[in-house]
Amino acid sequence: MRAGLVYIAAEKRGGLWKPAKYLKDHPSSFPFLLDEDRAVTKAYGLYHRLGHDAIRIAHPATLVVDRVGVVRYIYRGENQLDRAPIDEVMEALKHLATGNRASLGS
């Protein structure tokens, strides 16, 4: 099975967390994309306008996307500490590896 990782942050290049500086100081071996206008975040229903732990950012999320760009698994965290269970992510990847096209996810 071959899989890749892409990190997308709903953050402006010069935003509060200074992602441009962080990436310069801590190079990544995988693509790290900044969704500065929140277009991707909104398109996937992950935009988090306001919450007790969030203001105008993304819900943490994990997506497994097949080779043709179809989302086969999506996990949307309810808060900034909620992450996808690794066993679910691995199961989604296994489904892709075996050619099973069924969508999985929360």
PDB file of N, CA and C in Angstrom:
ATOM      1  N   MET A   1       0.853  -1.170   0.000  1.00  0.00           N
ATOM      2  CA  MET A   1       0.000   0.000   0.000  1.00  0.00           C
ATOM      3  C   MET A   1       0.901   1.235   0.000  1.00  0.00           C
ATOM      4  N   ARG A   2       0.566   2.178  -0.838  1.00  0.00           N
ATOM      5  CA  ARG A   2       1.297   3.440  -0.884  1.00  0.00           C
ATOM      6  C   ARG A   2       0.342   4.557  -0.463  1.00  0.00           C
ATOM      7  N   ALA A   3       0.774   5.357   0.475  1.00  0.00           N
ATOM      8  CA  ALA A   3      -0.059   6.459   0.940  1.00  0.00           C
ATOM      9  C   ALA A   3       0.821   7.693   1.105  1.00  0.00           C
ATOM     10  N   GLY A   4       0.204   8.844   1.017  1.00  0.00           N
ATOM     11  CA  GLY A   4       0.918  10.097   1.217  1.00  0.00           C
ATOM     12  C   GLY A   4       0.194  10.935   2.250  1.00  0.00           C
ATOM     13  N   LEU A   5       0.914  11.864   2.791  1.00  0.00           N
ATOM     14  CA  LEU A   5       0.369  12.740   3.809  1.00  0.00           C
ATOM     15  C   LEU A   5       0.455  14.179   3.323  1.00  0.00           C
ATOM     16  N   VAL A   6      -0.632  14.917   3.511  1.00  0.00           N
ATOM     17  CA  VAL A   6      -0.658  16.348   3.219  1.00  0.00           C
ATOM     18  C   VAL A   6      -1.258  17.015   4.447  1.00  0.00           C
ATOM     19  N   TYR A   7      -0.642  18.094   4.870  1.00  0.00           N
ATOM     20  CA  TYR A   7      -1.142  18.841   6.013  1.00  0.00           C
ATOM     21  C   TYR A   7      -1.703  20.155   5.496  1.00  0.00           C
ATOM     22  N   ILE A   8      -2.925  20.471   5.898  1.00  0.00           N
ATOM     23  CA  ILE A   8      -3.551  21.729   5.499  1.00  0.00           C
ATOM     24  C   ILE A   8      -3.917  22.495   6.770  1.00  0.00           C
ATOM     25  N   ALA A   9      -3.469  23.731   6.842  1.00  0.00           N
ATOM     26  CA  ALA A   9      -3.773  24.565   8.008  1.00  0.00           C
ATOM     27  C   ALA A   9      -4.596  25.768   7.560  1.00  0.00           C
ATOM     28  N   ALA A  10      -5.695  26.028   8.255  1.00  0.00           N
ATOM     29  CA  ALA A  10      -6.527  27.205   7.996  1.00  0.00           C
ATOM     30  C   ALA A  10      -5.883  28.386   8.700  1.00  0.00           C
ATOM     31  N   GLU A  11      -4.845  28.890   8.096  1.00  0.00           N
ATOM     32  CA  GLU A  11      -4.029  29.921   8.732  1.00  0.00           C
ATOM     33  C   GLU A  11      -3.415  30.805   7.656  1.00  0.00           C
ATOM     34  N   LYS A  12      -3.316  32.065   7.954  1.00  0.00           N
ATOM     35  CA  LYS A  12      -2.631  32.996   7.044  1.00  0.00           C
ATOM     36  C   LYS A  12      -1.123  32.860   7.236  1.00  0.00           C
ATOM     37  N   ARG A  13      -0.392  33.042   6.161  1.00  0.00           N
ATOM     38  CA  ARG A  13       1.063  32.897   6.164  1.00  0.00           C
ATOM     39  C   ARG A  13       1.706  33.667   7.324  1.00  0.00           C
ATOM     40  N   GLY A  14       1.259  34.874   7.569  1.00  0.00           N
ATOM     41  CA  GLY A  14       1.802  35.686   8.662  1.00  0.00           C
ATOM     42  C   GLY A  14       0.884  35.723   9.863  1.00  0.00           C
ATOM     43  N   GLY A  15       0.005  34.728   9.992  1.00  0.00           N
ATOM     44  CA  GLY A  15      -1.001  34.699  11.044  1.00  0.00           C
ATOM     45  C   GLY A  15      -0.440  34.516  12.443  1.00  0.00           C
ATOM     46  N   LEU A  16      -1.341  34.404  13.371  1.00  0.00           N
ATOM     47  CA  LEU A  16      -1.024  34.324  14.797  1.00  0.00           C
ATOM     48  C   LEU A  16       0.067  33.298  15.108  1.00  0.00           C
ATOM     49  N   TRP A  17      -0.010  32.116  14.490  1.00  0.00           N
ATOM     50  CA  TRP A  17       0.941  31.042  14.790  1.00  0.00           C
ATOM     51  C   TRP A  17       2.174  31.096  13.893  1.00  0.00           C
ATOM     52  N   LYS A  18       2.260  32.084  13.012  1.00  0.00           N
ATOM     53  CA  LYS A  18       3.435  32.295  12.157  1.00  0.00           C
ATOM     54  C   LYS A  18       3.868  31.024  11.406  1.00  0.00           C
ATOM     55  N   PRO A  19       2.957  30.432  10.618  1.00  0.00           N
ATOM     56  CA  PRO A  19       3.308  29.174   9.949  1.00  0.00           C
ATOM     57  C   PRO A  19       4.462  29.304   8.948  1.00  0.00           C
ATOM     58  N   ALA A  20       4.598  30.429   8.264  1.00  0.00           N
ATOM     59  CA  ALA A  20       5.701  30.586   7.314  1.00  0.00           C
ATOM     60  C   ALA A  20       7.038  30.479   8.053  1.00  0.00           C
ATOM     61  N   LYS A  21       7.134  31.139   9.201  1.00  0.00           N
ATOM     62  CA  LYS A  21       8.370  31.071   9.998  1.00  0.00           C
ATOM     63  C   LYS A  21       8.574  29.663  10.532  1.00  0.00           C
ATOM     64  N   TYR A  22       7.509  29.058  11.018  1.00  0.00           N
ATOM     65  CA  TYR A  22       7.615  27.702  11.553  1.00  0.00           C
ATOM     66  C   TYR A  22       8.126  26.739  10.483  1.00  0.00           C
ATOM     67  N   LEU A  23       7.550  26.819   9.279  1.00  0.00           N
ATOM     68  CA  LEU A  23       7.958  25.913   8.205  1.00  0.00           C
ATOM     69  C   LEU A  23       9.389  26.171   7.760  1.00  0.00           C
ATOM     70  N   LYS A  24       9.808  27.408   7.813  1.00  0.00           N
ATOM     71  CA  LYS A  24      11.193  27.731   7.469  1.00  0.00           C
ATOM     72  C   LYS A  24      12.141  27.123   8.507  1.00  0.00           C
ATOM     73  N   ASP A  25      11.775  27.233   9.775  1.00  0.00           N
ATOM     74  CA  ASP A  25      12.602  26.714  10.865  1.00  0.00           C
ATOM     75  C   ASP A  25      12.505  25.198  11.034  1.00  0.00           C
ATOM     76  N   HIS A  26      11.386  24.623  10.583  1.00  0.00           N
ATOM     77  CA  HIS A  26      11.123  23.183  10.742  1.00  0.00           C
ATOM     78  C   HIS A  26      10.641  22.609   9.409  1.00  0.00           C
ATOM     79  N   PRO A  27      11.538  22.401   8.463  1.00  0.00           N
ATOM     80  CA  PRO A  27      11.128  21.880   7.153  1.00  0.00           C
ATOM     81  C   PRO A  27      10.380  20.550   7.299  1.00  0.00           C
ATOM     82  N   SER A  28       9.414  20.357   6.434  1.00  0.00           N
ATOM     83  CA  SER A  28       8.580  19.162   6.459  1.00  0.00           C
ATOM     84  C   SER A  28       8.886  18.288   5.251  1.00  0.00           C
ATOM     85  N   SER A  29       8.802  16.984   5.435  1.00  0.00           N
ATOM     86  CA  SER A  29       9.026  16.050   4.326  1.00  0.00           C
ATOM     87  C   SER A  29       7.740  15.777   3.548  1.00  0.00           C
ATOM     88  N   PHE A  30       6.652  16.382   3.960  1.00  0.00           N
ATOM     89  CA  PHE A  30       5.384  16.230   3.251  1.00  0.00           C
ATOM     90  C   PHE A  30       4.812  17.608   2.965  1.00  0.00           C
ATOM     91  N   PRO A  31       3.898  17.700   1.982  1.00  0.00           N
ATOM     92  CA  PRO A  31       3.321  19.012   1.649  1.00  0.00           C
ATOM     93  C   PRO A  31       2.566  19.621   2.824  1.00  0.00           C
ATOM     94  N   PHE A  32       2.796  20.882   3.046  1.00  0.00           N
ATOM     95  CA  PHE A  32       2.141  21.644   4.106  1.00  0.00           C
ATOM     96  C   PHE A  32       1.507  22.843   3.420  1.00  0.00           C
ATOM     97  N   LEU A  33       0.189  22.824   3.298  1.00  0.00           N
ATOM     98  CA  LEU A  33      -0.529  23.857   2.573  1.00  0.00           C
ATOM     99  C   LEU A  33      -1.256  24.788   3.526  1.00  0.00           C
ATOM    100  N   LEU A  34      -1.236  26.072   3.207  1.00  0.00           N
ATOM    101  CA  LEU A  34      -1.955  27.056   4.012  1.00  0.00           C
ATOM    102  C   LEU A  34      -3.242  27.447   3.295  1.00  0.00           C
ATOM    103  N   ASP A  35      -4.359  27.213   3.943  1.00  0.00           N
ATOM    104  CA  ASP A  35      -5.672  27.565   3.419  1.00  0.00           C
ATOM    105  C   ASP A  35      -6.004  28.964   3.932  1.00  0.00           C
ATOM    106  N   GLU A  36      -5.325  29.951   3.360  1.00  0.00           N
ATOM    107  CA  GLU A  36      -5.399  31.316   3.892  1.00  0.00           C
ATOM    108  C   GLU A  36      -6.794  31.933   3.804  1.00  0.00           C
ATOM    109  N   ASP A  37      -7.560  31.594   2.779  1.00  0.00           N
ATOM    110  CA  ASP A  37      -8.907  32.170   2.658  1.00  0.00           C
ATOM    111  C   ASP A  37      -9.990  31.207   3.162  1.00  0.00           C
ATOM    112  N   ARG A  38      -9.565  30.091   3.718  1.00  0.00           N
ATOM    113  CA  ARG A  38     -10.455  29.062   4.283  1.00  0.00           C
ATOM    114  C   ARG A  38     -11.336  28.393   3.229  1.00  0.00           C
ATOM    115  N   ALA A  39     -11.012  28.511   1.952  1.00  0.00           N
ATOM    116  CA  ALA A  39     -11.834  27.930   0.882  1.00  0.00           C
ATOM    117  C   ALA A  39     -11.895  26.402   0.983  1.00  0.00           C
ATOM    118  N   VAL A  40     -10.765  25.752   1.212  1.00  0.00           N
ATOM    119  CA  VAL A  40     -10.738  24.288   1.324  1.00  0.00           C
ATOM    120  C   VAL A  40     -11.466  23.857   2.585  1.00  0.00           C
ATOM    121  N   THR A  41     -11.180  24.536   3.669  1.00  0.00           N
ATOM    122  CA  THR A  41     -11.814  24.236   4.944  1.00  0.00           C
ATOM    123  C   THR A  41     -13.336  24.323   4.834  1.00  0.00           C
ATOM    124  N   LYS A  42     -13.822  25.360   4.191  1.00  0.00           N
ATOM    125  CA  LYS A  42     -15.268  25.534   4.022  1.00  0.00           C
ATOM    126  C   LYS A  42     -15.843  24.495   3.062  1.00  0.00           C
ATOM    127  N   ALA A  43     -15.132  24.183   1.982  1.00  0.00           N
ATOM    128  CA  ALA A  43     -15.619  23.224   0.981  1.00  0.00           C
ATOM    129  C   ALA A  43     -15.861  21.843   1.594  1.00  0.00           C
ATOM    130  N   TYR A  44     -15.063  21.463   2.571  1.00  0.00           N
ATOM    131  CA  TYR A  44     -15.212  20.156   3.213  1.00  0.00           C
ATOM    132  C   TYR A  44     -16.032  20.203   4.491  1.00  0.00           C
ATOM    133  N   GLY A  45     -16.647  21.341   4.786  1.00  0.00           N
ATOM    134  CA  GLY A  45     -17.486  21.455   5.974  1.00  0.00           C
ATOM    135  C   GLY A  45     -16.696  21.434   7.269  1.00  0.00           C
ATOM    136  N   LEU A  46     -15.464  21.908   7.221  1.00  0.00           N
ATOM    137  CA  LEU A  46     -14.593  21.857   8.389  1.00  0.00           C
ATOM    138  C   LEU A  46     -14.361  23.213   9.037  1.00  0.00           C
ATOM    139  N   TYR A  47     -14.927  24.254   8.456  1.00  0.00           N
ATOM    140  CA  TYR A  47     -14.735  25.604   8.993  1.00  0.00           C
ATOM    141  C   TYR A  47     -15.399  25.710  10.352  1.00  0.00           C
ATOM    142  N   HIS A  48     -14.694  26.256  11.309  1.00  0.00           N
ATOM    143  CA  HIS A  48     -15.195  26.407  12.671  1.00  0.00           C
ATOM    144  C   HIS A  48     -15.208  27.895  12.999  1.00  0.00           C
ATOM    145  N   ARG A  49     -16.345  28.517  12.756  1.00  0.00           N
ATOM    146  CA  ARG A  49     -16.457  29.964  12.917  1.00  0.00           C
ATOM    147  C   ARG A  49     -16.209  30.407  14.350  1.00  0.00           C
ATOM    148  N   LEU A  50     -16.886  29.743  15.286  1.00  0.00           N
ATOM    149  CA  LEU A  50     -16.766  30.165  16.683  1.00  0.00           C
ATOM    150  C   LEU A  50     -17.069  28.992  17.597  1.00  0.00           C
ATOM    151  N   GLY A  51     -16.232  28.808  18.582  1.00  0.00           N
ATOM    152  CA  GLY A  51     -16.430  27.775  19.586  1.00  0.00           C
ATOM    153  C   GLY A  51     -15.658  28.140  20.833  1.00  0.00           C
ATOM    154  N   HIS A  52     -15.814  27.365  21.887  1.00  0.00           N
ATOM    155  CA  HIS A  52     -15.100  27.680  23.125  1.00  0.00           C
ATOM    156  C   HIS A  52     -13.593  27.530  22.962  1.00  0.00           C
ATOM    157  N   ASP A  53     -13.152  26.789  21.939  1.00  0.00           N
ATOM    158  CA  ASP A  53     -11.722  26.604  21.716  1.00  0.00           C
ATOM    159  C   ASP A  53     -11.288  27.023  20.311  1.00  0.00           C
ATOM    160  N   ALA A  54     -12.142  27.766  19.607  1.00  0.00           N
ATOM    161  CA  ALA A  54     -11.809  28.094  18.218  1.00  0.00           C
ATOM    162  C   ALA A  54     -12.516  29.358  17.754  1.00  0.00           C
ATOM    163  N   ILE A  55     -11.792  30.139  16.970  1.00  0.00           N
ATOM    164  CA  ILE A  55     -12.373  31.299  16.307  1.00  0.00           C
ATOM    165  C   ILE A  55     -11.821  31.343  14.890  1.00  0.00           C
ATOM    166  N   ARG A  56     -12.713  31.154  13.921  1.00  0.00           N
ATOM    167  CA  ARG A  56     -12.379  31.222  12.495  1.00  0.00           C
ATOM    168  C   ARG A  56     -11.203  30.329  12.078  1.00  0.00           C
ATOM    169  N   ILE A  57     -11.244  29.075  12.524  1.00  0.00           N
ATOM    170  CA  ILE A  57     -10.231  28.108  12.114  1.00  0.00           C
ATOM    171  C   ILE A  57     -10.933  26.856  11.618  1.00  0.00           C
ATOM    172  N   ALA A  58     -10.207  25.793  11.452  1.00  0.00           N
ATOM    173  CA  ALA A  58     -10.790  24.534  11.006  1.00  0.00           C
ATOM    174  C   ALA A  58     -10.969  23.583  12.177  1.00  0.00           C
ATOM    175  N   HIS A  59     -12.019  22.753  12.079  1.00  0.00           N
ATOM    176  CA  HIS A  59     -12.088  21.604  12.970  1.00  0.00           C
ATOM    177  C   HIS A  59     -10.924  20.711  12.579  1.00  0.00           C
ATOM    178  N   PRO A  60     -10.257  20.076  13.528  1.00  0.00           N
ATOM    179  CA  PRO A  60      -9.233  19.123  13.127  1.00  0.00           C
ATOM    180  C   PRO A  60      -9.911  17.992  12.357  1.00  0.00           C
ATOM    181  N   ALA A  61      -9.286  17.544  11.300  1.00  0.00           N
ATOM    182  CA  ALA A  61      -9.910  16.521  10.476  1.00  0.00           C
ATOM    183  C   ALA A  61      -8.855  15.638   9.833  1.00  0.00           C
ATOM    184  N   THR A  62      -9.263  14.428   9.531  1.00  0.00           N
ATOM    185  CA  THR A  62      -8.446  13.482   8.786  1.00  0.00           C
ATOM    186  C   THR A  62      -9.288  12.991   7.625  1.00  0.00           C
ATOM    187  N   LEU A  63      -8.718  13.058   6.427  1.00  0.00           N
ATOM    188  CA  LEU A  63      -9.394  12.579   5.229  1.00  0.00           C
ATOM    189  C   LEU A  63      -8.501  11.563   4.536  1.00  0.00           C
ATOM    190  N   VAL A  64      -9.098  10.502   4.024  1.00  0.00           N
ATOM    191  CA  VAL A  64      -8.406   9.555   3.161  1.00  0.00           C
ATOM    192  C   VAL A  64      -9.032   9.731   1.790  1.00  0.00           C
ATOM    193  N   VAL A  65      -8.192  10.054   0.825  1.00  0.00           N
ATOM    194  CA  VAL A  65      -8.643  10.370  -0.524  1.00  0.00           C
ATOM    195  C   VAL A  65      -8.028   9.356  -1.487  1.00  0.00           C
ATOM    196  N   ASP A  66      -8.843   8.825  -2.402  1.00  0.00           N
ATOM    197  CA  ASP A  66      -8.300   7.845  -3.343  1.00  0.00           C
ATOM    198  C   ASP A  66      -7.527   8.523  -4.475  1.00  0.00           C
ATOM    199  N   ARG A  67      -6.981   7.732  -5.370  1.00  0.00           N
ATOM    200  CA  ARG A  67      -6.118   8.247  -6.434  1.00  0.00           C
ATOM    201  C   ARG A  67      -6.805   9.199  -7.404  1.00  0.00           C
ATOM    202  N   VAL A  68      -8.137   9.119  -7.484  1.00  0.00           N
ATOM    203  CA  VAL A  68      -8.850  10.008  -8.406  1.00  0.00           C
ATOM    204  C   VAL A  68      -9.467  11.206  -7.683  1.00  0.00           C
ATOM    205  N   GLY A  69      -9.161  11.341  -6.396  1.00  0.00           N
ATOM    206  CA  GLY A  69      -9.598  12.515  -5.663  1.00  0.00           C
ATOM    207  C   GLY A  69     -10.904  12.380  -4.906  1.00  0.00           C
ATOM    208  N   VAL A  70     -11.440  11.170  -4.809  1.00  0.00           N
ATOM    209  CA  VAL A  70     -12.692  10.957  -4.077  1.00  0.00           C
ATOM    210  C   VAL A  70     -12.371  10.708  -2.601  1.00  0.00           C
ATOM    211  N   VAL A  71     -13.037  11.456  -1.735  1.00  0.00           N
ATOM    212  CA  VAL A  71     -12.848  11.273  -0.295  1.00  0.00           C
ATOM    213  C   VAL A  71     -13.537   9.971   0.104  1.00  0.00           C
ATOM    214  N   ARG A  72     -12.756   9.049   0.644  1.00  0.00           N
ATOM    215  CA  ARG A  72     -13.272   7.736   1.061  1.00  0.00           C
ATOM    216  C   ARG A  72     -13.463   7.629   2.568  1.00  0.00           C
ATOM    217  N   TYR A  73     -12.845   8.532   3.301  1.00  0.00           N
ATOM    218  CA  TYR A  73     -12.982   8.549   4.759  1.00  0.00           C
ATOM    219  C   TYR A  73     -12.780   9.989   5.209  1.00  0.00           C
ATOM    220  N   ILE A  74     -13.625  10.423   6.136  1.00  0.00           N
ATOM    221  CA  ILE A  74     -13.435  11.742   6.731  1.00  0.00           C
ATOM    222  C   ILE A  74     -13.810  11.656   8.206  1.00  0.00           C
ATOM    223  N   TYR A  75     -12.957  12.221   9.016  1.00  0.00           N
ATOM    224  CA  TYR A  75     -13.225  12.342  10.442  1.00  0.00           C
ATOM    225  C   TYR A  75     -13.098  13.807  10.800  1.00  0.00           C
ATOM    226  N   ARG A  76     -14.150  14.365  11.341  1.00  0.00           N
ATOM    227  CA  ARG A  76     -14.174  15.775  11.744  1.00  0.00           C
ATOM    228  C   ARG A  76     -14.193  15.838  13.258  1.00  0.00           C
ATOM    229  N   GLY A  77     -13.121  16.372  13.840  1.00  0.00           N
ATOM    230  CA  GLY A  77     -13.035  16.490  15.292  1.00  0.00           C
ATOM    231  C   GLY A  77     -14.022  17.508  15.826  1.00  0.00           C
ATOM    232  N   GLU A  78     -14.550  17.249  16.991  1.00  0.00           N
ATOM    233  CA  GLU A  78     -15.508  18.161  17.612  1.00  0.00           C
ATOM    234  C   GLU A  78     -14.836  19.311  18.343  1.00  0.00           C
ATOM    235  N   ASN A  79     -13.557  19.138  18.688  1.00  0.00           N
ATOM    236  CA  ASN A  79     -12.805  20.202  19.335  1.00  0.00           C
ATOM    237  C   ASN A  79     -11.350  20.098  18.892  1.00  0.00           C
ATOM    238  N   GLN A  80     -10.508  21.000  19.338  1.00  0.00           N
ATOM    239  CA  GLN A  80      -9.139  21.052  18.846  1.00  0.00           C
ATOM    240  C   GLN A  80      -8.255  19.899  19.323  1.00  0.00           C
ATOM    241  N   LEU A  81      -8.741  19.093  20.228  1.00  0.00           N
ATOM    242  CA  LEU A  81      -7.983  17.931  20.693  1.00  0.00           C
ATOM    243  C   LEU A  81      -8.517  16.613  20.157  1.00  0.00           C
ATOM    244  N   ASP A  82      -9.658  16.646  19.476  1.00  0.00           N
ATOM    245  CA  ASP A  82     -10.315  15.443  18.976  1.00  0.00           C
ATOM    246  C   ASP A  82      -9.697  15.028  17.639  1.00  0.00           C
ATOM    247  N   ARG A  83      -9.087  13.868  17.596  1.00  0.00           N
ATOM    248  CA  ARG A  83      -8.425  13.362  16.394  1.00  0.00           C
ATOM    249  C   ARG A  83      -9.019  12.028  15.972  1.00  0.00           C
ATOM    250  N   ALA A  84      -8.817  11.692  14.716  1.00  0.00           N
ATOM    251  CA  ALA A  84      -9.316  10.434  14.172  1.00  0.00           C
ATOM    252  C   ALA A  84      -8.642   9.255  14.863  1.00  0.00           C
ATOM    253  N   PRO A  85      -9.417   8.233  15.191  1.00  0.00           N
ATOM    254  CA  PRO A  85      -8.808   7.016  15.742  1.00  0.00           C
ATOM    255  C   PRO A  85      -7.917   6.366  14.674  1.00  0.00           C
ATOM    256  N   ILE A  86      -6.694   6.064  15.018  1.00  0.00           N
ATOM    257  CA  ILE A  86      -5.738   5.534  14.046  1.00  0.00           C
ATOM    258  C   ILE A  86      -6.222   4.222  13.435  1.00  0.00           C
ATOM    259  N   ASP A  87      -6.941   3.397  14.209  1.00  0.00           N
ATOM    260  CA  ASP A  87      -7.434   2.140  13.644  1.00  0.00           C
ATOM    261  C   ASP A  87      -8.446   2.390  12.521  1.00  0.00           C
ATOM    262  N   GLU A  88      -9.257   3.436  12.637  1.00  0.00           N
ATOM    263  CA  GLU A  88     -10.193   3.790  11.559  1.00  0.00           C
ATOM    264  C   GLU A  88      -9.449   4.266  10.309  1.00  0.00           C
ATOM    265  N   VAL A  89      -8.415   5.069  10.505  1.00  0.00           N
ATOM    266  CA  VAL A  89      -7.639   5.572   9.373  1.00  0.00           C
ATOM    267  C   VAL A  89      -6.951   4.409   8.669  1.00  0.00           C
ATOM    268  N   MET A  90      -6.357   3.514   9.435  1.00  0.00           N
ATOM    269  CA  MET A  90      -5.677   2.361   8.840  1.00  0.00           C
ATOM    270  C   MET A  90      -6.659   1.457   8.098  1.00  0.00           C
ATOM    271  N   GLU A  91      -7.843   1.289   8.636  1.00  0.00           N
ATOM    272  CA  GLU A  91      -8.871   0.483   7.969  1.00  0.00           C
ATOM    273  C   GLU A  91      -9.269   1.117   6.635  1.00  0.00           C
ATOM    274  N   ALA A  92      -9.419   2.438   6.609  1.00  0.00           N
ATOM    275  CA  ALA A  92      -9.751   3.135   5.366  1.00  0.00           C
ATOM    276  C   ALA A  92      -8.642   2.960   4.336  1.00  0.00           C
ATOM    277  N   LEU A  93      -7.394   3.044   4.779  1.00  0.00           N
ATOM    278  CA  LEU A  93      -6.263   2.839   3.871  1.00  0.00           C
ATOM    279  C   LEU A  93      -6.232   1.405   3.344  1.00  0.00           C
ATOM    280  N   LYS A  94      -6.550   0.436   4.204  1.00  0.00           N
ATOM    281  CA  LYS A  94      -6.597  -0.972   3.776  1.00  0.00           C
ATOM    282  C   LYS A  94      -7.665  -1.176   2.710  1.00  0.00           C
ATOM    283  N   HIS A  95      -8.826  -0.528   2.897  1.00  0.00           N
ATOM    284  CA  HIS A  95      -9.893  -0.633   1.908  1.00  0.00           C
ATOM    285  C   HIS A  95      -9.412  -0.137   0.544  1.00  0.00           C
ATOM    286  N   LEU A  96      -8.687   0.953   0.537  1.00  0.00           N
ATOM    287  CA  LEU A  96      -8.158   1.469  -0.725  1.00  0.00           C
ATOM    288  C   LEU A  96      -7.150   0.509  -1.332  1.00  0.00           C
ATOM    289  N   ALA A  97      -6.295  -0.065  -0.501  1.00  0.00           N
ATOM    290  CA  ALA A  97      -5.257  -0.967  -0.984  1.00  0.00           C
ATOM    291  C   ALA A  97      -5.845  -2.220  -1.619  1.00  0.00           C
ATOM    292  N   THR A  98      -7.011  -2.660  -1.113  1.00  0.00           N
ATOM    293  CA  THR A  98      -7.629  -3.870  -1.645  1.00  0.00           C
ATOM    294  C   THR A  98      -8.612  -3.561  -2.773  1.00  0.00           C
ATOM    295  N   GLY A  99      -8.730  -2.281  -3.117  1.00  0.00           N
ATOM    296  CA  GLY A  99      -9.613  -1.915  -4.217  1.00  0.00           C
ATOM    297  C   GLY A  99     -11.060  -1.725  -3.833  1.00  0.00           C
ATOM    298  N   ASN A 100     -11.373  -1.803  -2.540  1.00  0.00           N
ATOM    299  CA  ASN A 100     -12.741  -1.595  -2.067  1.00  0.00           C
ATOM    300  C   ASN A 100     -13.044  -0.103  -2.149  1.00  0.00           C
ATOM    301  N   ARG A 101     -14.030   0.271  -2.946  1.00  0.00           N
ATOM    302  CA  ARG A 101     -14.348   1.682  -3.169  1.00  0.00           C
ATOM    303  C   ARG A 101     -15.404   2.238  -2.222  1.00  0.00           C
ATOM    304  N   ALA A 102     -15.850   1.442  -1.275  1.00  0.00           N
ATOM    305  CA  ALA A 102     -16.883   1.919  -0.348  1.00  0.00           C
ATOM    306  C   ALA A 102     -16.342   3.042   0.517  1.00  0.00           C
ATOM    307  N   SER A 103     -17.176   4.039   0.737  1.00  0.00           N
ATOM    308  CA  SER A 103     -16.790   5.151   1.609  1.00  0.00           C
ATOM    309  C   SER A 103     -16.944   4.723   3.056  1.00  0.00           C
ATOM    310  N   LEU A 104     -16.021   5.151   3.878  1.00  0.00           N
ATOM    311  CA  LEU A 104     -16.047   4.876   5.308  1.00  0.00           C
ATOM    312  C   LEU A 104     -16.034   6.189   6.040  1.00  0.00           C
ATOM    313  N   GLY A 105     -16.214   6.157   7.339  1.00  0.00           N
ATOM    314  CA  GLY A 105     -15.961   7.367   8.105  1.00  0.00           C
ATOM    315  C   GLY A 105     -17.061   7.775   9.033  1.00  0.00           C
ATOM    316  N   SER A 106     -16.731   8.798   9.810  1.00  0.00           N
ATOM    317  CA  SER A 106     -17.640   9.317  10.826  1.00  0.00           C
ATOM    318  C   SER A 106     -18.516  10.382  10.250  1.00  0.00           C
TER     319      SER A 106
END
